[in-house]
Structure formats: C-alpha cells, structure tokens
N, C-alpha and C. Protein backbone atom coordinates (compact mmCIF):
# COMPACT_ATOMS: atom_id res chain seq x y z
N UNK A 1 127.10 42.54 105.69
CA UNK A 1 128.37 42.73 105.91
C UNK A 1 128.79 42.47 103.97
N UNK A 2 129.29 44.06 104.05
CA UNK A 2 129.64 44.43 102.74
C UNK A 2 130.85 43.52 102.12
N UNK A 3 131.05 43.15 100.71
CA UNK A 3 132.22 42.30 100.26
C UNK A 3 132.97 43.17 99.83
N UNK A 4 134.32 43.19 100.22
CA UNK A 4 135.63 43.87 99.76
C UNK A 4 136.28 42.70 98.87
N UNK A 5 136.75 43.81 98.10
CA UNK A 5 137.74 42.95 96.85
C UNK A 5 139.40 43.28 97.36
N UNK A 6 140.28 43.23 96.32
CA UNK A 6 141.29 42.90 96.24
C UNK A 6 141.99 44.65 96.96
N UNK A 7 142.81 44.85 97.67
CA UNK A 7 143.28 46.09 98.09
C UNK A 7 144.46 46.47 97.57
N UNK A 8 144.55 47.59 96.68
CA UNK A 8 145.79 48.52 96.02
C UNK A 8 146.33 49.50 97.05
N UNK A 9 147.61 49.29 97.90
CA UNK A 9 148.45 50.36 98.32
C UNK A 9 148.75 51.57 97.20
N UNK A 10 148.68 52.86 98.20
CA UNK A 10 149.25 53.98 97.60
C UNK A 10 150.41 54.28 97.94
N UNK A 11 150.79 54.12 99.63
CA UNK A 11 151.66 54.02 100.38
C UNK A 11 151.12 54.05 101.57
N UNK A 12 152.03 54.35 103.06
CA UNK A 12 151.98 53.87 104.29
C UNK A 12 150.62 54.33 104.59
N UNK A 13 150.11 55.27 104.34
CA UNK A 13 148.77 55.93 104.86
C UNK A 13 147.31 55.82 104.20
N UNK A 14 147.44 55.15 102.86
CA UNK A 14 146.42 55.15 102.24
C UNK A 14 146.04 54.18 101.60
N UNK A 15 145.15 52.95 101.21
CA UNK A 15 145.08 52.47 99.80
C UNK A 15 143.52 52.30 99.43
N UNK A 16 143.28 51.58 98.40
CA UNK A 16 142.12 51.68 97.65
C UNK A 16 141.30 50.44 97.98
N UNK A 17 140.45 50.02 98.60
CA UNK A 17 139.34 49.13 98.82
C UNK A 17 137.87 49.12 97.86
N UNK A 18 137.79 47.85 97.22
CA UNK A 18 136.36 48.10 96.32
C UNK A 18 135.71 47.13 97.31
N UNK A 19 134.72 48.18 97.87
CA UNK A 19 133.32 47.52 98.57
C UNK A 19 132.32 47.78 97.66
N UNK A 20 131.35 46.38 97.46
CA UNK A 20 130.36 46.37 96.37
C UNK A 20 130.71 46.84 95.15
N UNK A 21 131.73 47.03 94.85
CA UNK A 21 132.37 47.42 93.29
C UNK A 21 132.44 48.89 93.44
N UNK A 22 132.17 49.82 94.42
CA UNK A 22 132.70 51.27 94.68
C UNK A 22 133.70 51.37 94.84
N UNK A 23 135.08 52.02 94.22
CA UNK A 23 136.58 51.99 95.05
C UNK A 23 136.47 53.31 96.26
N UNK A 24 136.85 52.73 97.39
CA UNK A 24 136.89 53.68 98.56
C UNK A 24 138.41 54.12 98.87
N UNK A 25 138.96 55.18 98.91
CA UNK A 25 140.03 55.72 99.57
C UNK A 25 140.21 55.31 100.80
N UNK A 26 141.03 54.73 101.51
CA UNK A 26 141.17 54.46 103.08
C UNK A 26 142.51 55.19 103.67
N UNK A 27 142.49 56.09 103.80
CA UNK A 27 143.39 56.75 104.61
C UNK A 27 143.80 56.12 106.08
N UNK A 28 144.67 56.33 106.52
CA UNK A 28 144.79 55.91 107.98
C UNK A 28 146.18 56.46 108.63
N UNK A 29 145.99 56.35 110.25
CA UNK A 29 147.51 57.14 110.77
C UNK A 29 147.32 58.53 111.17
N UNK A 30 148.29 59.42 110.91
CA UNK A 30 148.53 60.72 111.39
C UNK A 30 148.72 61.38 110.34
N UNK A 31 147.97 62.48 109.54
CA UNK A 31 147.71 63.03 108.12
C UNK A 31 148.17 64.26 108.94
N UNK A 32 149.74 65.08 108.59
CA UNK A 32 149.75 66.11 108.61
C UNK A 32 150.93 66.86 107.87
N UNK A 33 152.11 67.86 108.10
CA UNK A 33 152.45 68.67 107.00
C UNK A 33 153.32 67.65 106.41
N UNK A 34 153.82 66.42 107.08
CA UNK A 34 154.93 65.64 106.41
C UNK A 34 153.92 64.58 105.54
N UNK A 35 153.17 64.05 105.42
CA UNK A 35 152.35 63.44 104.76
C UNK A 35 151.65 64.04 103.59
N UNK A 36 151.90 65.86 103.51
CA UNK A 36 151.04 66.10 102.38
C UNK A 36 151.17 65.92 100.96
N UNK A 37 152.58 65.94 100.83
CA UNK A 37 152.52 65.50 99.05
C UNK A 37 151.45 63.59 98.79
N UNK A 38 151.94 62.70 99.53
CA UNK A 38 151.60 61.65 99.56
C UNK A 38 150.01 61.76 99.66
N UNK A 39 149.44 62.52 100.52
CA UNK A 39 147.78 62.69 100.68
C UNK A 39 147.25 63.03 99.48
N UNK A 40 148.04 64.43 98.72
CA UNK A 40 147.61 64.82 98.11
C UNK A 40 147.79 64.06 96.34
N UNK A 41 148.76 63.13 96.50
CA UNK A 41 148.35 62.41 95.34
C UNK A 41 147.53 61.43 95.39
N UNK A 42 147.43 60.43 96.46
CA UNK A 42 146.28 59.66 96.95
C UNK A 42 145.17 60.35 96.30
N UNK A 43 144.60 61.62 96.93
CA UNK A 43 143.39 62.13 96.62
C UNK A 43 143.02 62.45 95.59
N UNK A 44 144.01 62.99 94.78
CA UNK A 44 143.84 63.48 93.50
C UNK A 44 143.70 62.52 92.34
N UNK A 45 144.16 60.97 92.86
CA UNK A 45 144.54 59.77 91.89
C UNK A 45 143.02 59.37 91.89
N UNK A 46 142.58 59.34 93.72
CA UNK A 46 141.35 58.36 93.87
C UNK A 46 140.30 59.25 92.98
N UNK A 47 140.28 60.67 92.74
CA UNK A 47 139.40 61.30 92.24
C UNK A 47 139.08 61.25 90.57
N UNK A 48 140.57 61.53 90.31
CA UNK A 48 140.49 60.79 88.78
C UNK A 48 140.52 59.70 88.34
N UNK A 49 140.51 58.90 89.17
CA UNK A 49 140.46 57.32 88.51
C UNK A 49 138.80 56.92 88.71
N UNK A 50 138.25 57.61 89.68
CA UNK A 50 136.64 57.19 90.02
C UNK A 50 135.97 58.13 88.80
N UNK A 51 136.47 59.18 88.20
CA UNK A 51 135.67 59.56 86.73
C UNK A 51 135.01 60.61 87.05
N UNK A 52 134.33 61.57 85.92
CA UNK A 52 133.59 62.41 86.36
C UNK A 52 131.88 61.91 85.90
N UNK A 53 131.80 60.97 85.70
CA UNK A 53 130.37 60.52 85.51
C UNK A 53 129.78 59.51 86.15
N UNK A 54 129.94 60.03 87.04
CA UNK A 54 129.57 59.29 88.53
C UNK A 54 128.41 59.94 88.99
N UNK A 55 127.44 58.91 89.59
CA UNK A 55 126.16 59.58 90.41
C UNK A 55 126.64 59.72 91.51
N UNK A 56 127.11 58.98 92.34
CA UNK A 56 127.46 58.17 93.29
C UNK A 56 128.74 59.05 93.78
N UNK A 57 129.10 59.63 95.22
CA UNK A 57 129.69 60.57 95.76
C UNK A 57 131.00 59.65 95.67
N UNK A 58 132.24 60.29 95.52
CA UNK A 58 133.74 59.55 95.86
C UNK A 58 133.89 59.71 97.31
N UNK A 59 134.01 58.17 97.73
CA UNK A 59 134.03 58.44 99.24
C UNK A 59 135.64 58.17 99.55
N UNK A 60 135.90 58.63 100.62
CA UNK A 60 137.37 58.70 101.55
C UNK A 60 137.26 58.43 102.74
N UNK A 61 137.47 57.27 103.14
CA UNK A 61 137.37 56.79 104.40
C UNK A 61 138.45 57.22 105.42
N UNK A 62 138.06 57.89 106.37
CA UNK A 62 138.85 58.06 107.15
C UNK A 62 138.89 57.71 108.80
N UNK A 63 138.07 56.65 108.95
CA UNK A 63 137.90 56.22 110.05
C UNK A 63 139.29 55.71 110.94
N UNK A 64 139.97 55.29 110.08
CA UNK A 64 141.79 55.11 110.96
C UNK A 64 142.85 55.88 110.75
N UNK A 65 141.83 57.22 110.67
CA UNK A 65 142.83 58.68 110.81
C UNK A 65 142.80 59.07 112.11
N UNK A 66 144.05 59.15 113.22
CA UNK A 66 143.83 59.60 114.37
C UNK A 66 143.54 60.67 114.86
N UNK A 67 144.68 61.52 114.21
CA UNK A 67 144.91 62.89 114.08
C UNK A 67 144.96 63.42 112.61
N UNK A 68 144.70 64.68 112.54
CA UNK A 68 144.88 65.40 111.57
C UNK A 68 145.41 66.73 111.77
N UNK A 69 146.14 67.27 110.86
CA UNK A 69 146.41 69.04 110.88
C UNK A 69 145.66 70.09 109.87
N UNK A 70 145.93 71.15 110.11
CA UNK A 70 145.21 72.12 109.11
C UNK A 70 145.62 71.80 107.61
N UNK A 71 146.92 71.62 107.68
CA UNK A 71 147.19 71.60 106.24
C UNK A 71 146.68 70.25 105.61
N UNK A 72 146.86 69.01 106.19
CA UNK A 72 146.10 68.10 105.59
C UNK A 72 144.71 68.22 105.08
N UNK A 73 143.74 68.87 105.92
CA UNK A 73 142.60 69.27 105.73
C UNK A 73 142.47 70.03 104.39
N UNK A 74 143.28 70.94 104.17
CA UNK A 74 143.09 72.27 103.35
C UNK A 74 143.55 71.14 101.98
N UNK A 75 144.52 70.38 102.00
CA UNK A 75 144.77 69.36 101.02
C UNK A 75 143.37 68.95 100.30
N UNK A 76 142.30 67.99 101.35
CA UNK A 76 141.35 67.28 101.31
C UNK A 76 139.88 68.57 100.69
N UNK A 77 140.10 69.72 101.09
CA UNK A 77 139.40 70.33 100.59
C UNK A 77 139.48 70.94 99.62
N UNK A 78 140.76 71.40 99.35
CA UNK A 78 140.63 71.92 97.79
C UNK A 78 140.73 70.91 96.80
N UNK A 79 140.70 69.56 96.99
CA UNK A 79 140.55 68.65 95.92
C UNK A 79 139.26 68.42 95.51
N UNK A 80 138.28 68.63 97.18
CA UNK A 80 136.97 68.21 96.70
C UNK A 80 136.61 69.46 96.16
N UNK A 81 136.83 70.45 96.55
CA UNK A 81 136.43 71.84 95.50
C UNK A 81 136.39 71.74 93.95
N UNK A 82 137.82 71.42 93.77
CA UNK A 82 138.59 71.17 92.13
C UNK A 82 137.37 70.51 91.66
N UNK A 83 136.87 69.09 92.35
CA UNK A 83 136.48 67.93 91.80
C UNK A 83 134.91 68.60 91.75
N UNK A 84 134.24 69.37 92.84
CA UNK A 84 132.78 69.85 92.72
C UNK A 84 132.87 70.72 91.08
N UNK A 85 133.74 70.95 90.38
CA UNK A 85 133.65 71.94 89.58
C UNK A 85 133.77 71.26 88.33
N UNK A 86 133.71 69.83 88.58
CA UNK A 86 133.52 68.81 87.39
C UNK A 86 132.39 68.26 87.76
N UNK A 87 131.21 68.50 88.75
CA UNK A 87 130.40 67.88 89.26
C UNK A 87 130.34 66.53 90.00
N UNK A 88 131.26 66.58 90.60
CA UNK A 88 131.99 64.93 91.38
C UNK A 88 132.07 65.28 92.89
N UNK A 89 131.47 64.95 93.73
CA UNK A 89 130.99 65.07 95.05
C UNK A 89 131.94 64.26 95.99
N UNK A 90 133.10 64.98 96.77
CA UNK A 90 133.81 64.08 97.72
C UNK A 90 133.18 63.99 98.72
N UNK A 91 133.33 62.80 99.54
CA UNK A 91 132.47 62.31 101.18
C UNK A 91 133.51 62.16 101.93
N UNK A 92 133.64 62.38 102.97
CA UNK A 92 134.54 61.91 104.03
C UNK A 92 133.80 61.20 104.74
N UNK A 93 133.96 59.63 105.25
CA UNK A 93 133.55 58.94 105.67
C UNK A 93 134.50 58.40 107.09
N UNK A 94 133.63 58.50 108.15
CA UNK A 94 134.30 57.85 109.00
C UNK A 94 135.06 58.91 110.18
N UNK A 95 134.65 60.28 110.07
CA UNK A 95 135.74 60.90 110.56
C UNK A 95 135.59 60.89 112.38
N UNK A 96 136.51 60.42 113.10
CA UNK A 96 136.62 60.51 114.39
C UNK A 96 136.28 62.30 115.20
N UNK A 97 136.07 61.94 116.79
CA UNK A 97 135.89 62.91 117.22
C UNK A 97 137.02 64.44 116.74
N UNK A 98 138.15 63.73 116.97
CA UNK A 98 139.46 64.88 116.89
C UNK A 98 139.78 65.26 115.72
N UNK A 99 139.24 64.49 114.50
CA UNK A 99 139.09 65.34 113.15
C UNK A 99 138.03 66.15 112.93
N UNK A 100 136.61 65.81 113.24
CA UNK A 100 135.47 66.80 113.39
C UNK A 100 136.06 68.31 113.76
N UNK A 101 136.39 67.85 115.03
CA UNK A 101 137.03 68.83 115.77
C UNK A 101 137.77 70.00 114.99
N UNK A 102 138.90 69.67 114.55
CA UNK A 102 140.14 69.93 113.76
C UNK A 102 138.95 70.86 112.57
N UNK A 103 138.26 70.04 111.86
CA UNK A 103 137.32 70.48 110.72
C UNK A 103 136.76 71.91 111.04
N UNK A 104 136.03 71.91 112.43
CA UNK A 104 135.30 73.06 112.72
C UNK A 104 136.28 74.43 113.30
N UNK A 105 137.39 73.66 114.13
CA UNK A 105 138.25 74.54 114.44
C UNK A 105 138.77 75.12 113.09
N UNK A 106 139.24 74.70 112.10
CA UNK A 106 139.63 75.67 110.81
C UNK A 106 138.65 76.30 109.86
N UNK A 107 137.29 75.79 110.29
CA UNK A 107 136.39 76.15 109.49
C UNK A 107 136.29 75.54 107.74
N UNK A 108 136.96 74.68 107.87
CA UNK A 108 136.88 73.88 106.51
C UNK A 108 135.61 72.78 106.70
N UNK A 109 135.02 72.98 108.02
CA UNK A 109 133.73 72.05 107.66
C UNK A 109 132.88 72.61 106.36
N UNK A 110 132.70 73.57 106.20
CA UNK A 110 132.09 74.65 105.48
C UNK A 110 132.37 74.01 103.47
N UNK A 111 133.61 73.43 103.54
CA UNK A 111 134.19 73.08 102.41
C UNK A 111 134.16 71.70 101.72
N UNK A 112 134.38 70.85 103.17
CA UNK A 112 134.30 69.23 103.43
C UNK A 112 133.18 68.43 103.78
N UNK A 113 132.26 67.92 102.72
CA UNK A 113 131.59 67.10 102.96
C UNK A 113 131.53 65.91 104.00
N UNK A 114 130.44 65.69 105.22
CA UNK A 114 131.08 64.64 105.64
C UNK A 114 129.75 63.44 105.58
N UNK A 115 130.34 62.14 105.46
CA UNK A 115 129.31 61.40 105.50
C UNK A 115 128.23 61.26 106.31
N UNK A 116 126.92 61.17 106.40
CA UNK A 116 125.66 61.39 107.55
C UNK A 116 126.04 59.80 108.08
N UNK A 117 126.05 59.63 109.13
CA UNK A 117 126.08 58.55 110.06
C UNK A 117 124.71 58.11 110.52
N UNK A 118 123.93 56.89 110.30
CA UNK A 118 122.96 56.84 110.70
C UNK A 118 122.61 57.12 112.35
N UNK A 119 121.43 57.31 112.77
CA UNK A 119 121.19 57.54 114.39
C UNK A 119 120.48 56.15 114.66
N UNK A 120 121.25 55.78 115.71
CA UNK A 120 120.70 54.42 116.54
C UNK A 120 119.09 54.77 116.79
N UNK A 121 118.48 53.47 116.57
CA UNK A 121 116.74 53.53 117.19
C UNK A 121 117.19 53.43 118.59
C-alpha cells in the first residue's frame, strides 16, 4: 500500500497527492469544454512544479474521471507535447474504458501516453 501525504486542491475537478514522495495530479468527474480552463491550468501547473530534471514521468491519475470530451483530451495532449520538448514524459494513469474509447476515436492515443497496467497472473 502506497503512503499518501497531504492533498492540495486545485479546484473541484483536481488535486495533487504525494504518493511515496512523488506528486500525482488526480483528476475527477467529467472533463469537458466547461472545465477546459481549469484543466489546462492544473495540468500545466503540475508539469511546471514537477520540473524538467525528472527521470520518472509526470503522472496524471484519471481513474476517477467518468467521461471526457475531445476538447479536454486536446488540452492534455498539448501539455504532453510541450513537456516532451523539455524532456519530460507525461503519463496518464487509470484510464477507464470510456476515456480509452475517446482517446482512440479522436486518435489522440498517438499523442498521449497511458501507463501500462500489470497483467493479472
């Protein structure tokens, strides 16, 4: 079980938790065109705070995201591409089937890296 430290809220849709010392941006709810501004600010702030001298990827946990539209995914894809220019990998953790389906439909799966889930034995 991972040790969790204090939670710092950004807004109603996101917060940052420190799991074993690593900051993880946790997104929740429905991410759509109405939350694009908050999403953009939270993702860019998280990437900026994590710095460019990291070996491990910047993790964005979306396991509590119920639905997402193309606009929100484009925000994450743009932030990921910008971070890559500075040598920082952005990885999405816990994508639900509806989110994965939207990633494939929009073809943004090519631009957004998903964390590999362990295969059950």
